[in-house]
Amino acid sequence: MKKLHLLVLRSFAAPFAGSFSVALFVLVLQFLAQYQQDIFGKGFGGGVIAQIFGYTAVQLTVLALPIAVLIASLSTMGKLGETYELAAMKSAGISLFRILRPLLGVVLVLTLISGGLSWHVIPRINLKLYSLLYDVQQAKPQFFLTAGLFDYKFDGFTLYFARRDERGLLYDLKIWDHSRTPQFTKTITADSARMWIDQEQLYLRLTLYHGEQHETGGFSDDPKGRLAYSRVTFDSLQYKLDMSGFGLQRMDEQAFKSHQYMQTWWELRDTLKIMVDIPRATLRRAADYQQGQLTALYAPGRCTVPDSLIARDTAGSVLDWFPAEQRTDIIALALNQARGLKAYSASTRETYDYEDTQLSRFRIEWYLKYTLPLSCILMLFIGAPLGAIIRKGGLGMPTVVSIGFFILFYVLMAQGRKLAYKHVVEEWFGIWLPLIVMAPIALYLTWQSATDSRLFDLSSWRLVGLWLLRPFRRRT
């Protein structure tokens, strides 16, 4: 049995390593494609790009592991079946479950690794990844100026020049300065200019030659409110623009710590214990407030009804129970109370919906920490029996079938999460939906493989079709 287990493990190792590498690479590229405009073209060094790739790869490992297990198990058992090694094992009296025992041991180890990553490592990786992506998004594009185009990279300034010669001189330069107020504008024109970057103080320094400076705005004593205007000519002028915003400014990571993606298993558990009572407390406060307002409406001294009127059987409006001089005050008081209660109820509803949505997000993240690790075991009992039934190795048929099953798993997971977010189903049901749907499929395939069924044999399906059509045949 040791040699048999080694044979199965050797057959599993190469497909697993290859499929895991390819799946992880594709998932990383798909994730980073969402941020390509924020990452590339801003002049970041290789260290920043490497950090983003590394953090993303660790984050998506728990999603790549089920894909790799599915493809590798299906390919392994399909190859053993194609070379009749699987048939030889079964003819020797070895059951399918005994053959799968080494693969089950490996997958259990992968499940524990996936669980450890999902519970403890990935939340810390998410904290570093999303804080870095936020800083990258806030950084400005790499500084460069193009002749003939207006440049808006500097806050409050617009630059334009017609051409640049081989010595680096800029010709027909124009600068629009609207950084102070919308009413104050400054326009500078120059025949030529020389430019260099002050790396120490992070300034773009310009020396402008033979130009004019036009200013509009400022303070004016004109009774009609007309703005002041001035014009200055110069032979040379020194000008500088702030470039500090072009670098990558790192934000404190602790500002993102409250998000559900950034919390470990223990932190999520403690947060859920606190959050579960917040929506209920909001409803209790609303009920107490409304009860207090309704009680205050009938407080002594607000509106008194003589005992003679209360005892009398008065038909018609309730206002007829009160003296005529009190009816206007009563109507105004009731309207104010109604408007106040309506506004408070609407505000409470918005607060409750927000708190309940936040609670659902944390619950969904809590259940996800179990779903993806357990999906490795599910994919083993789908891929291995299916490979034994198909009896095709390599990367052709196994890959196509594996991708189909994983697409089904991913669609169920995405739709279940969406239904849970919208409170159509309970959070646990929405997140566990792919396991609930695909677990019977795995049991059915395992049973079919263990009993040597002819699931993909066309002749067997032809017999099933003839049996179903038997009642509709014309009797001869």
Protein backbone atom coordinates (compact mmCIF):
# COMPACT_ATOMS: atom_id res chain seq x y z
CA MET A 1 0.00 0.00 0.00
CA LYS A 2 2.90 2.37 0.57
CA LYS A 3 3.98 1.99 -3.07
CA LEU A 4 0.40 2.45 -4.21
CA HIS A 5 0.03 5.62 -2.13
CA LEU A 6 3.31 6.96 -3.48
CA LEU A 7 2.11 6.28 -7.04
CA VAL A 8 -1.10 8.22 -6.45
CA LEU A 9 0.74 11.09 -4.73
CA ARG A 10 3.33 11.36 -7.52
CA SER A 11 0.54 11.44 -10.09
CA PHE A 12 -1.20 14.18 -8.09
CA ALA A 13 1.80 16.42 -7.34
CA ALA A 14 2.65 17.65 -10.84
CA PRO A 15 -0.94 18.51 -11.96
CA PHE A 16 -1.59 20.22 -8.63
CA ALA A 17 1.54 22.40 -8.82
CA GLY A 18 0.86 23.38 -12.43
CA SER A 19 -2.86 24.08 -12.01
CA PHE A 20 -2.29 26.00 -8.76
CA SER A 21 0.36 28.23 -10.39
CA VAL A 22 -1.77 28.94 -13.46
CA ALA A 23 -4.95 29.54 -11.45
CA LEU A 24 -3.20 31.88 -9.02
CA PHE A 25 -1.53 33.80 -11.85
CA VAL A 26 -4.85 34.27 -13.69
CA LEU A 27 -6.66 35.36 -10.52
CA VAL A 28 -3.93 37.87 -9.66
CA LEU A 29 -4.04 39.37 -13.16
CA GLN A 30 -7.83 39.54 -13.04
CA PHE A 31 -7.74 41.32 -9.68
CA LEU A 32 -5.02 43.79 -10.68
CA ALA A 33 -6.80 44.59 -13.95
CA GLN A 34 -9.31 46.53 -11.84
CA TYR A 35 -6.52 48.81 -10.57
CA GLN A 36 -4.26 49.03 -13.63
CA GLN A 37 -5.02 52.70 -14.23
CA ASP A 38 -4.17 53.50 -10.61
CA ILE A 39 -0.97 51.42 -10.44
CA PHE A 40 0.78 51.89 -13.76
CA GLY A 41 1.95 55.17 -15.24
CA LYS A 42 2.62 56.93 -11.94
CA GLY A 43 6.32 56.25 -11.73
CA PHE A 44 6.24 53.82 -8.79
CA GLY A 45 9.35 51.79 -8.15
CA GLY A 46 9.62 48.05 -8.52
CA GLY A 47 9.28 47.59 -4.76
CA VAL A 48 5.74 49.01 -4.70
CA ILE A 49 4.63 46.88 -7.66
CA ALA A 50 6.20 43.77 -6.09
CA GLN A 51 4.39 44.43 -2.80
CA ILE A 52 1.03 44.69 -4.56
CA PHE A 53 1.63 41.48 -6.52
CA GLY A 54 2.80 39.63 -3.41
CA TYR A 55 -0.10 40.74 -1.22
CA THR A 56 -2.61 39.91 -3.96
CA ALA A 57 -1.11 36.44 -4.49
CA VAL A 58 -1.41 35.58 -0.79
CA GLN A 59 -4.95 36.93 -0.64
CA LEU A 60 -6.13 34.82 -3.60
CA THR A 61 -4.40 31.61 -2.49
CA VAL A 62 -7.55 30.38 -0.72
CA LEU A 63 -9.49 30.76 -3.99
CA ALA A 64 -6.79 29.10 -6.13
CA LEU A 65 -6.49 26.03 -3.88
CA PRO A 66 -9.99 24.60 -4.65
CA ILE A 67 -9.40 25.08 -8.39
CA ALA A 68 -6.06 23.30 -8.19
CA VAL A 69 -7.50 20.42 -6.13
CA LEU A 70 -10.36 19.96 -8.60
CA ILE A 71 -8.15 19.97 -11.72
CA ALA A 72 -5.38 17.86 -10.18
CA SER A 73 -7.67 15.19 -8.68
CA LEU A 74 -9.67 14.87 -11.89
CA SER A 75 -6.50 14.67 -13.98
CA THR A 76 -4.84 12.17 -11.64
CA MET A 77 -7.73 9.72 -11.49
CA GLY A 78 -8.43 10.19 -15.19
CA LYS A 79 -4.84 9.29 -16.06
CA LEU A 80 -4.90 6.25 -13.79
CA GLY A 81 -8.12 5.16 -15.44
CA GLU A 82 -6.81 5.83 -18.95
CA THR A 83 -3.72 3.64 -18.36
CA TYR A 84 -5.86 0.91 -16.73
CA GLU A 85 -3.95 1.25 -13.47
CA LEU A 86 -7.17 2.12 -11.70
CA ALA A 87 -8.83 -1.00 -13.11
CA ALA A 88 -5.91 -3.11 -11.91
CA MET A 89 -6.22 -1.70 -8.41
CA LYS A 90 -9.94 -2.42 -8.25
CA SER A 91 -9.47 -5.92 -9.65
CA ALA A 92 -7.04 -6.54 -6.78
CA GLY A 93 -9.84 -5.78 -4.33
CA ILE A 94 -8.78 -2.22 -3.43
CA SER A 95 -11.77 0.09 -3.08
CA LEU A 96 -11.98 3.61 -4.42
CA PHE A 97 -11.90 5.08 -0.92
CA ARG A 98 -8.69 3.20 -0.16
CA ILE A 99 -7.15 4.61 -3.35
CA LEU A 100 -8.24 8.14 -2.44
CA ARG A 101 -6.87 7.91 1.10
CA PRO A 102 -3.50 9.62 0.35
CA LEU A 103 -5.23 12.34 -1.67
CA LEU A 104 -7.68 12.90 1.17
CA GLY A 105 -4.78 13.29 3.60
CA VAL A 106 -3.10 15.88 1.34
CA VAL A 107 -6.36 17.78 0.85
CA LEU A 108 -7.02 17.84 4.59
CA VAL A 109 -3.60 19.43 5.07
CA LEU A 110 -4.42 21.96 2.32
CA THR A 111 -7.75 22.66 4.05
CA LEU A 112 -5.97 23.43 7.32
CA ILE A 113 -3.49 25.66 5.48
CA SER A 114 -6.36 27.46 3.72
CA GLY A 115 -8.18 27.87 7.04
CA GLY A 116 -5.09 29.28 8.75
CA LEU A 117 -4.59 31.73 5.91
CA SER A 118 -8.24 32.75 5.86
CA TRP A 119 -8.57 33.14 9.64
CA HIS A 120 -5.29 34.82 10.57
CA VAL A 121 -2.95 35.68 7.69
CA ILE A 122 -5.17 37.10 4.93
CA PRO A 123 -6.87 39.73 7.16
CA ARG A 124 -3.44 41.19 7.92
CA ILE A 125 -2.49 40.95 4.24
CA ASN A 126 -5.75 42.70 3.30
CA LEU A 127 -4.91 45.51 5.70
CA LYS A 128 -1.58 46.09 3.99
CA LEU A 129 -2.90 45.53 0.45
CA TYR A 130 -5.95 47.80 0.55
CA SER A 131 -4.17 50.56 2.47
CA LEU A 132 -1.41 50.46 -0.16
CA LEU A 133 -3.97 50.47 -3.00
CA TYR A 134 -5.71 53.45 -1.40
CA ASP A 135 -2.43 55.37 -1.22
CA VAL A 136 -1.66 54.40 -4.82
CA GLN A 137 -5.06 55.68 -5.95
CA GLN A 138 -4.51 59.00 -4.19
CA ALA A 139 -1.05 59.50 -5.75
CA LYS A 140 -0.84 61.64 -8.86
CA PRO A 141 0.40 60.39 -12.24
CA GLN A 142 4.08 60.51 -13.05
CA PHE A 143 5.21 64.04 -13.78
CA PHE A 144 5.86 64.88 -17.40
CA LEU A 145 4.87 67.69 -19.74
CA THR A 146 3.83 67.20 -23.36
CA ALA A 147 4.10 69.95 -25.95
CA GLY A 148 0.80 71.20 -27.34
CA LEU A 149 -1.32 69.80 -24.48
CA PHE A 150 -2.84 71.46 -21.42
CA ASP A 151 -1.54 69.93 -18.19
CA TYR A 152 -3.78 69.85 -15.09
CA LYS A 153 -1.64 67.73 -12.75
CA PHE A 154 -0.82 70.63 -10.44
CA ASP A 155 -3.67 71.56 -8.09
CA GLY A 156 -4.91 75.03 -8.98
CA PHE A 157 -2.59 75.45 -11.99
CA THR A 158 -2.77 74.79 -15.73
CA LEU A 159 0.35 74.67 -17.91
CA TYR A 160 0.79 74.84 -21.67
CA PHE A 161 3.73 75.23 -24.02
CA ALA A 162 3.93 74.97 -27.79
CA ARG A 163 7.25 73.15 -28.33
CA ARG A 164 10.55 72.10 -26.71
CA ASP A 165 13.99 72.25 -28.34
CA GLU A 166 16.97 69.95 -27.91
CA ARG A 167 18.41 72.16 -25.13
CA GLY A 168 15.25 71.68 -23.01
CA LEU A 169 13.88 75.21 -23.49
CA LEU A 170 10.09 75.55 -23.53
CA TYR A 171 8.59 78.05 -26.01
CA ASP A 172 5.29 79.98 -25.87
CA LEU A 173 4.68 78.97 -22.25
CA LYS A 174 1.42 79.86 -20.50
CA ILE A 175 0.53 79.34 -16.83
CA TRP A 176 -2.98 79.84 -15.41
CA ASP A 177 -2.99 80.25 -11.63
CA HIS A 178 -6.43 79.85 -10.02
CA SER A 179 -5.24 78.36 -6.74
CA ARG A 180 -6.35 81.17 -4.43
CA THR A 181 -10.03 81.88 -5.12
CA PRO A 182 -12.28 81.55 -8.18
CA GLN A 183 -12.46 85.38 -8.32
CA PHE A 184 -8.67 85.76 -8.37
CA THR A 185 -6.84 84.54 -11.47
CA LYS A 186 -3.30 85.02 -12.64
CA THR A 187 -2.13 84.38 -16.18
CA ILE A 188 1.57 84.30 -17.07
CA THR A 189 2.87 84.18 -20.63
CA ALA A 190 6.51 83.88 -21.65
CA ASP A 191 8.36 83.59 -24.94
CA SER A 192 10.60 80.87 -23.49
CA ALA A 193 11.34 79.17 -20.18
CA ARG A 194 13.79 76.79 -18.58
CA MET A 195 12.54 74.09 -16.22
CA TRP A 196 14.14 71.80 -13.60
CA ILE A 197 12.95 69.77 -10.63
CA ASP A 198 14.12 70.51 -7.09
CA GLN A 199 14.34 66.97 -5.64
CA GLU A 200 15.07 68.16 -2.09
CA GLN A 201 12.15 70.55 -1.66
CA LEU A 202 9.89 68.85 -4.23
CA TYR A 203 9.28 71.90 -6.41
CA LEU A 204 9.10 72.38 -10.14
CA ARG A 205 11.18 75.51 -10.71
CA LEU A 206 10.74 77.65 -13.83
CA THR A 207 12.77 80.55 -15.14
CA LEU A 208 10.58 82.50 -17.56
CA TYR A 209 11.98 84.97 -20.14
CA HIS A 210 10.33 87.95 -21.85
CA GLY A 211 6.71 87.73 -20.82
CA GLU A 212 3.74 89.29 -19.07
CA GLN A 213 1.80 88.63 -15.91
CA HIS A 214 -1.94 89.44 -15.81
CA GLU A 215 -3.90 89.47 -12.53
CA THR A 216 -7.67 89.78 -12.16
CA GLY A 217 -9.48 89.94 -8.83
CA GLY A 218 -8.26 90.91 -5.39
CA PHE A 219 -9.70 93.81 -3.41
CA SER A 220 -11.41 96.70 -5.18
CA ASP A 221 -13.27 99.79 -3.91
CA ASP A 222 -15.40 100.04 -7.03
CA PRO A 223 -19.03 100.60 -5.89
CA LYS A 224 -20.24 98.56 -8.87
CA GLY A 225 -18.28 95.54 -7.65
CA ARG A 226 -15.92 95.43 -10.60
CA LEU A 227 -12.70 93.47 -10.03
CA ALA A 228 -9.25 95.00 -10.15
CA TYR A 229 -6.88 94.22 -13.03
CA SER A 230 -3.11 94.61 -13.31
CA ARG A 231 -0.44 93.76 -15.89
CA VAL A 232 3.30 93.41 -15.33
CA THR A 233 5.98 92.82 -17.96
CA PHE A 234 9.27 91.13 -17.14
CA ASP A 235 12.54 90.10 -18.73
CA SER A 236 12.96 87.11 -16.41
CA LEU A 237 10.80 85.66 -13.65
CA GLN A 238 11.37 82.85 -11.17
CA TYR A 239 8.32 80.61 -10.57
CA LYS A 240 7.83 77.40 -8.62
CA LEU A 241 5.07 74.80 -8.38
CA ASP A 242 4.56 72.35 -5.52
CA MET A 243 5.25 68.71 -6.48
CA SER A 244 4.85 67.05 -3.07
CA GLY A 245 1.62 65.39 -4.17
CA PHE A 246 3.37 63.41 -6.91
CA GLY A 247 5.05 61.01 -4.47
CA LEU A 248 3.45 58.04 -2.74
CA GLN A 249 2.18 59.25 0.63
CA ARG A 250 1.49 56.34 2.99
CA MET A 251 -1.53 56.53 5.28
CA ASP A 252 -1.76 54.93 8.71
CA GLU A 253 -2.94 51.34 8.25
CA GLN A 254 -4.96 51.43 11.47
CA ALA A 255 -7.50 53.70 9.74
CA PHE A 256 -8.71 50.61 7.80
CA LYS A 257 -8.69 48.22 10.75
CA SER A 258 -12.44 48.42 11.41
CA HIS A 259 -13.33 46.92 8.00
CA GLN A 260 -14.50 43.29 8.03
CA TYR A 261 -11.84 42.24 5.49
CA MET A 262 -9.08 43.36 7.87
CA GLN A 263 -10.16 41.42 10.97
CA THR A 264 -8.95 37.99 12.01
CA TRP A 265 -11.20 35.18 13.25
CA TRP A 266 -10.85 36.26 16.88
CA GLU A 267 -11.45 39.93 16.07
CA LEU A 268 -14.52 39.12 13.98
CA ARG A 269 -15.94 37.04 16.82
CA ASP A 270 -15.50 39.88 19.32
CA THR A 271 -16.91 42.44 16.87
CA LEU A 272 -20.00 40.33 16.18
CA LYS A 273 -20.69 39.99 19.90
CA ILE A 274 -20.84 43.78 20.13
CA MET A 275 -22.63 44.49 16.83
CA VAL A 276 -25.45 41.97 17.30
CA ASP A 277 -27.08 44.17 19.99
CA ILE A 278 -26.67 47.53 18.21
CA PRO A 279 -29.75 47.30 15.88
CA ARG A 280 -31.88 46.04 18.77
CA ALA A 281 -30.73 48.93 20.96
CA THR A 282 -31.70 51.36 18.19
CA LEU A 283 -35.22 49.93 18.05
CA ARG A 284 -35.53 50.03 21.84
CA ARG A 285 -34.50 53.70 21.93
CA ALA A 286 -37.02 54.51 19.18
CA ALA A 287 -39.81 52.74 21.05
CA ASP A 288 -38.98 54.50 24.31
CA TYR A 289 -38.83 57.89 22.58
CA GLN A 290 -42.18 57.43 20.84
CA GLN A 291 -43.80 56.21 24.02
CA GLY A 292 -42.47 59.25 25.86
CA GLN A 293 -43.78 61.64 23.21
CA LEU A 294 -47.21 60.09 23.25
CA THR A 295 -47.29 60.22 27.04
CA ALA A 296 -46.24 63.88 27.01
CA LEU A 297 -49.20 64.68 24.77
CA TYR A 298 -51.52 63.84 27.63
CA ALA A 299 -49.43 65.40 30.39
CA PRO A 300 -51.33 67.43 33.01
CA GLY A 301 -51.71 71.05 32.04
CA ARG A 302 -51.32 70.47 28.28
CA CYS A 303 -54.99 69.96 27.50
CA THR A 304 -57.59 69.36 30.21
CA VAL A 305 -61.06 68.01 29.67
CA PRO A 306 -63.81 68.81 32.15
CA ASP A 307 -65.29 65.80 33.91
CA SER A 308 -68.74 66.78 32.72
CA LEU A 309 -67.60 66.42 29.08
CA ILE A 310 -65.87 63.08 29.69
CA ALA A 311 -68.92 61.65 31.33
CA ARG A 312 -71.20 62.88 28.55
CA ASP A 313 -71.77 60.56 25.56
CA THR A 314 -70.60 62.95 22.88
CA ALA A 315 -71.03 61.96 19.23
CA GLY A 316 -68.85 63.26 16.39
CA SER A 317 -65.23 64.41 16.59
CA VAL A 318 -63.06 63.98 19.66
CA LEU A 319 -62.41 67.72 19.51
CA ASP A 320 -66.00 68.25 20.60
CA TRP A 321 -64.96 66.97 24.03
CA PHE A 322 -62.73 70.01 24.54
CA PRO A 323 -63.60 73.64 25.06
CA ALA A 324 -63.59 75.73 21.90
CA GLU A 325 -60.66 77.89 23.04
CA GLN A 326 -58.42 74.79 23.38
CA ARG A 327 -59.12 73.16 19.99
CA THR A 328 -56.65 75.20 17.94
CA ASP A 329 -53.82 74.51 20.38
CA ILE A 330 -54.69 70.83 20.44
CA ILE A 331 -54.59 70.58 16.62
CA ALA A 332 -51.26 72.43 16.43
CA LEU A 333 -49.77 70.27 19.19
CA ALA A 334 -50.95 67.06 17.52
CA LEU A 335 -49.51 68.12 14.15
CA ASN A 336 -46.14 68.98 15.68
CA GLN A 337 -46.05 65.68 17.52
CA ALA A 338 -46.95 63.77 14.35
CA ARG A 339 -44.29 65.54 12.26
CA GLY A 340 -41.67 64.98 14.93
CA LEU A 341 -42.51 61.29 15.27
CA LYS A 342 -42.50 60.83 11.49
CA ALA A 343 -39.07 62.45 11.10
CA TYR A 344 -37.67 60.51 14.02
CA SER A 345 -39.07 57.24 12.64
CA ALA A 346 -37.49 57.90 9.23
CA SER A 347 -34.13 58.69 10.82
CA THR A 348 -34.35 55.60 13.02
CA ARG A 349 -35.18 53.49 9.98
CA GLU A 350 -32.09 54.70 8.13
CA THR A 351 -29.91 54.11 11.17
CA TYR A 352 -31.32 50.63 11.70
CA ASP A 353 -30.86 49.68 8.02
CA TYR A 354 -27.25 50.85 8.09
CA GLU A 355 -26.47 48.99 11.32
CA ASP A 356 -28.21 45.86 10.11
CA THR A 357 -26.31 45.98 6.80
CA GLN A 358 -23.01 46.33 8.63
CA LEU A 359 -23.91 43.38 10.84
CA SER A 360 -24.72 41.31 7.74
CA ARG A 361 -21.37 42.19 6.15
CA PHE A 362 -19.47 40.97 9.19
CA ARG A 363 -21.55 37.79 9.38
CA ILE A 364 -20.93 37.08 5.70
CA GLU A 365 -17.20 37.49 6.19
CA TRP A 366 -17.38 35.18 9.22
CA TYR A 367 -19.04 32.38 7.21
CA LEU A 368 -16.67 32.89 4.26
CA LYS A 369 -13.76 31.96 6.50
CA TYR A 370 -15.20 28.43 6.59
CA THR A 371 -16.65 28.10 3.08
CA LEU A 372 -13.47 28.42 1.01
CA PRO A 373 -11.31 26.04 3.11
CA LEU A 374 -14.04 23.36 3.15
CA SER A 375 -14.48 23.71 -0.61
CA CYS A 376 -11.12 21.95 -1.05
CA ILE A 377 -12.64 18.72 0.33
CA LEU A 378 -15.74 19.23 -1.82
CA MET A 379 -13.66 19.64 -4.98
CA LEU A 380 -11.71 16.45 -4.21
CA PHE A 381 -14.90 14.37 -4.05
CA ILE A 382 -16.09 15.93 -7.30
CA GLY A 383 -12.85 15.75 -9.27
CA ALA A 384 -11.52 12.34 -8.23
CA PRO A 385 -14.74 10.30 -8.84
CA LEU A 386 -15.40 12.19 -12.06
CA GLY A 387 -11.88 11.44 -13.28
CA ALA A 388 -12.34 7.76 -12.47
CA ILE A 389 -15.56 7.77 -14.52
CA ILE A 390 -14.25 9.80 -17.47
CA ARG A 391 -10.90 7.95 -17.61
CA LYS A 392 -9.16 10.72 -19.51
CA GLY A 393 -5.90 12.25 -18.34
CA GLY A 394 -3.90 15.25 -19.44
CA LEU A 395 -5.06 18.85 -19.63
CA GLY A 396 -7.84 18.53 -22.22
CA MET A 397 -11.09 17.07 -20.98
CA PRO A 398 -10.21 17.33 -17.23
CA THR A 399 -9.51 21.04 -17.51
CA VAL A 400 -12.74 21.76 -19.39
CA VAL A 401 -14.86 19.80 -16.93
CA SER A 402 -13.05 21.31 -13.93
CA ILE A 403 -13.56 24.86 -15.17
CA GLY A 404 -17.26 24.13 -15.66
CA PHE A 405 -17.67 22.90 -12.08
CA PHE A 406 -15.68 25.78 -10.65
CA ILE A 407 -17.71 28.33 -12.62
CA LEU A 408 -20.82 26.76 -11.10
CA PHE A 409 -19.24 27.01 -7.64
CA TYR A 410 -18.20 30.64 -8.15
CA VAL A 411 -21.59 31.70 -9.55
CA LEU A 412 -23.39 30.10 -6.61
CA MET A 413 -21.03 31.80 -4.17
CA ALA A 414 -21.47 35.22 -5.83
CA GLN A 415 -25.26 34.91 -6.06
CA GLY A 416 -25.52 33.59 -2.52
CA ARG A 417 -23.52 36.52 -1.22
CA LYS A 418 -25.71 38.94 -3.16
CA LEU A 419 -28.89 37.37 -1.78
CA ALA A 420 -27.45 37.54 1.73
CA TYR A 421 -26.55 41.22 1.30
CA LYS A 422 -30.13 41.98 0.21
CA HIS A 423 -31.56 39.95 3.14
CA VAL A 424 -33.40 37.63 0.75
CA VAL A 425 -31.92 34.63 2.58
CA GLU A 426 -30.06 34.17 5.84
CA GLU A 427 -26.35 34.97 5.76
CA TRP A 428 -25.28 31.40 6.54
CA PHE A 429 -27.49 29.98 3.78
CA GLY A 430 -26.27 32.45 1.16
CA ILE A 431 -22.58 31.83 1.86
CA TRP A 432 -22.98 28.05 2.22
CA LEU A 433 -25.14 27.86 -0.93
CA PRO A 434 -22.37 26.40 -3.17
CA LEU A 435 -21.62 23.68 -0.61
CA ILE A 436 -25.32 22.91 -0.13
CA VAL A 437 -25.91 22.61 -3.89
CA MET A 438 -22.72 20.80 -4.88
CA ALA A 439 -22.39 18.39 -1.95
CA PRO A 440 -25.18 16.10 -3.35
CA ILE A 441 -23.40 16.17 -6.73
CA ALA A 442 -20.17 15.07 -5.06
CA LEU A 443 -21.97 12.25 -3.19
CA TYR A 444 -23.66 11.08 -6.38
CA LEU A 445 -20.42 11.07 -8.40
CA THR A 446 -18.57 9.25 -5.60
CA TRP A 447 -21.27 6.60 -5.42
CA GLN A 448 -21.31 6.19 -9.21
CA SER A 449 -17.52 5.82 -9.30
CA ALA A 450 -17.42 3.38 -6.39
CA THR A 451 -20.00 1.16 -8.13
CA ASP A 452 -18.24 1.35 -11.54
CA SER A 453 -21.20 3.02 -13.23
CA ARG A 454 -21.27 3.80 -16.93
CA LEU A 455 -22.21 7.42 -16.42
CA PHE A 456 -20.66 8.72 -19.66
CA ASP A 457 -21.27 5.66 -21.80
CA LEU A 458 -23.60 6.60 -24.68
CA SER A 459 -24.99 3.09 -24.95
CA SER A 460 -26.20 3.19 -21.35
CA TRP A 461 -27.89 6.54 -21.89
CA ARG A 462 -29.48 5.15 -25.08
CA LEU A 463 -31.00 2.34 -23.04
CA VAL A 464 -32.30 4.85 -20.50
CA GLY A 465 -33.90 6.88 -23.30
CA LEU A 466 -35.56 3.82 -24.80
CA TRP A 467 -36.91 2.88 -21.38
CA LEU A 468 -38.37 6.37 -20.89
CA LEU A 469 -39.99 6.32 -24.35
CA ARG A 470 -41.47 2.85 -23.91
CA PRO A 471 -44.94 4.05 -22.81
CA PHE A 472 -45.23 6.26 -25.93
CA ARG A 473 -44.41 3.52 -28.44
CA ARG A 474 -47.19 2.21 -30.65
CA ARG A 475 -48.00 -1.30 -29.80
CA THR A 476 -47.73 -3.67 -32.74
